[in-house]
């Protein structure tokens, strides 16, 4: 198992939430992919990232719908849809229906602590070369 920082452990393993506007990727708009902090499964691309002005990284969709699972979350007196990774079963965040309508209307509001960003120029070196073609203009 990967050694996690305290905030990664709190968020990914204990269903926590990191502070808005005070996390690694809320304002990162570099080209690349976001992978599961535990097992490296590709989760999201910068191509589907948008500024939802909420303080967390937000995406219109995952790289592949089969790599995430959604669960009903009624914690804190709210009715939400939690997003977890299928393989490592870590908590990523929640999905809401207030995303860009022209992109399907969903907002995958994720925690930076549950992901690792791999810049486009490092995809090959990091073993994710097959995802470079997504960025061909």
Protein backbone atom coordinates (compact mmCIF):
# COMPACT_ATOMS: atom_id res chain seq x y z
CA UNK A 1 0.00 0.00 0.00
CA UNK A 2 1.25 3.49 -0.88
CA UNK A 3 2.33 5.69 2.03
CA UNK A 4 -0.26 8.45 2.28
CA UNK A 5 0.09 11.88 3.86
CA UNK A 6 -2.27 12.64 6.75
CA UNK A 7 -4.66 14.63 4.51
CA UNK A 8 -4.62 11.89 1.83
CA UNK A 9 -5.45 9.31 4.50
CA UNK A 10 -8.25 11.46 5.96
CA UNK A 11 -9.85 12.09 2.55
CA UNK A 12 -9.21 8.89 0.61
CA UNK A 13 -9.59 6.32 3.39
CA UNK A 14 -11.82 8.07 5.93
CA UNK A 15 -14.24 9.84 3.52
CA UNK A 16 -13.01 13.27 4.52
CA UNK A 17 -13.02 16.51 2.56
CA UNK A 18 -10.08 18.83 2.09
CA UNK A 19 -10.52 22.60 2.41
CA UNK A 20 -11.80 24.46 -0.66
CA UNK A 21 -9.29 26.74 -2.40
CA UNK A 22 -6.54 25.18 -0.26
CA UNK A 23 -5.71 21.98 -2.10
CA UNK A 24 -3.25 20.96 -4.78
CA UNK A 25 -5.38 20.92 -7.93
CA UNK A 26 -8.37 23.26 -7.57
CA UNK A 27 -6.70 25.81 -9.86
CA UNK A 28 -4.41 23.53 -11.87
CA UNK A 29 -5.25 23.80 -15.56
CA UNK A 30 -2.09 22.26 -16.99
CA UNK A 31 -2.61 19.50 -19.55
CA UNK A 32 -2.41 15.98 -18.19
CA UNK A 33 -4.31 13.27 -16.35
CA UNK A 34 -5.34 12.70 -12.76
CA UNK A 35 -4.81 9.22 -11.33
CA UNK A 36 -5.87 7.32 -8.19
CA UNK A 37 -3.42 8.22 -5.41
CA UNK A 38 -3.41 4.59 -4.21
CA UNK A 39 -3.11 2.43 -7.31
CA UNK A 40 -2.49 4.85 -10.19
CA UNK A 41 -5.70 4.09 -12.12
CA UNK A 42 -6.37 6.96 -14.58
CA UNK A 43 -9.44 8.88 -13.41
CA UNK A 44 -9.83 12.25 -15.17
CA UNK A 45 -8.17 14.39 -17.82
CA UNK A 46 -7.51 18.10 -17.87
CA UNK A 47 -9.59 18.16 -21.08
CA UNK A 48 -12.71 17.58 -18.95
CA UNK A 49 -11.70 19.92 -16.10
CA UNK A 50 -13.49 23.23 -15.62
CA UNK A 51 -13.55 26.04 -13.10
CA UNK A 52 -16.71 25.45 -11.08
CA UNK A 53 -15.67 28.25 -8.67
CA UNK A 54 -16.17 25.84 -5.76
CA UNK A 55 -12.54 25.46 -4.66
CA UNK A 56 -12.11 21.82 -5.63
CA UNK A 57 -11.05 20.25 -8.92
CA UNK A 58 -14.18 19.72 -11.02
CA UNK A 59 -14.62 17.58 -14.11
CA UNK A 60 -17.49 16.90 -16.51
CA UNK A 61 -16.76 13.16 -16.66
CA UNK A 62 -14.23 10.48 -15.75
CA UNK A 63 -11.85 9.01 -18.33
CA UNK A 64 -13.96 5.85 -18.24
CA UNK A 65 -17.25 5.43 -16.36
CA UNK A 66 -16.27 1.85 -15.47
CA UNK A 67 -13.43 2.97 -13.19
CA UNK A 68 -15.63 4.85 -10.70
CA UNK A 69 -18.60 3.80 -8.63
CA UNK A 70 -21.32 6.01 -7.25
CA UNK A 71 -23.01 5.54 -3.88
CA UNK A 72 -25.76 7.38 -2.05
CA UNK A 73 -24.29 9.53 0.71
CA UNK A 74 -26.67 10.86 3.37
CA UNK A 75 -24.00 12.10 5.77
CA UNK A 76 -24.22 15.54 7.37
CA UNK A 77 -27.96 15.70 6.71
CA UNK A 78 -27.45 15.98 2.95
CA UNK A 79 -28.47 13.72 0.08
CA UNK A 80 -25.49 13.43 -2.26
CA UNK A 81 -23.88 10.98 -4.66
CA UNK A 82 -20.43 9.91 -3.53
CA UNK A 83 -17.80 8.94 -6.11
CA UNK A 84 -15.30 6.18 -5.27
CA UNK A 85 -12.71 4.32 -7.29
CA UNK A 86 -13.73 0.85 -8.37
CA UNK A 87 -10.37 -0.85 -7.80
CA UNK A 88 -8.95 0.72 -4.64
CA UNK A 89 -12.34 1.87 -3.28
CA UNK A 90 -11.02 5.24 -2.12
CA UNK A 91 -13.26 8.28 -1.64
CA UNK A 92 -12.82 10.81 -4.46
CA UNK A 93 -15.62 13.28 -3.82
CA UNK A 94 -19.18 13.78 -5.07
CA UNK A 95 -20.99 14.23 -8.36
CA UNK A 96 -23.63 16.93 -8.78
CA UNK A 97 -26.01 17.84 -11.60
CA UNK A 98 -24.96 21.49 -11.83
CA UNK A 99 -22.14 21.11 -14.34
CA UNK A 100 -21.94 22.61 -17.83
CA UNK A 101 -25.12 21.66 -19.70
CA UNK A 102 -23.33 21.47 -23.05
CA UNK A 103 -21.02 18.82 -21.55
CA UNK A 104 -23.74 16.64 -20.03
CA UNK A 105 -24.62 18.69 -16.95
CA UNK A 106 -22.50 16.82 -14.40
CA UNK A 107 -19.87 18.20 -12.02
CA UNK A 108 -17.52 15.63 -10.57
CA UNK A 109 -16.28 17.61 -7.56
CA UNK A 110 -13.15 15.76 -6.48
CA UNK A 111 -10.61 16.02 -3.70
CA UNK A 112 -7.03 16.70 -4.78
CA UNK A 113 -5.82 14.50 -1.91
CA UNK A 114 -7.31 11.41 -3.59
CA UNK A 115 -5.52 12.01 -6.87
CA UNK A 116 -2.07 12.53 -8.35
CA UNK A 117 -1.60 14.77 -11.40
CA UNK A 118 0.62 13.60 -14.23
CA UNK A 119 1.55 16.38 -16.69
CA UNK A 120 1.18 15.69 -20.41
CA UNK A 121 4.93 15.81 -20.95
CA UNK A 122 5.44 13.08 -18.30
CA UNK A 123 2.74 10.63 -19.45
CA UNK A 124 5.17 8.41 -21.38
CA UNK A 125 7.80 8.43 -18.62
CA UNK A 126 5.17 7.58 -15.96
CA UNK A 127 3.70 4.67 -17.97
CA UNK A 128 0.58 6.44 -19.26
CA UNK A 129 1.72 6.99 -22.85
CA UNK A 130 -1.51 5.55 -24.25
CA UNK A 131 -3.32 8.68 -22.99
CA UNK A 132 -1.18 11.15 -25.00
CA UNK A 133 -3.41 10.76 -28.05
CA UNK A 134 -6.33 12.28 -26.12
CA UNK A 135 -4.49 15.59 -26.30
CA UNK A 136 -3.86 15.59 -30.05
CA UNK A 137 -5.41 18.72 -31.47
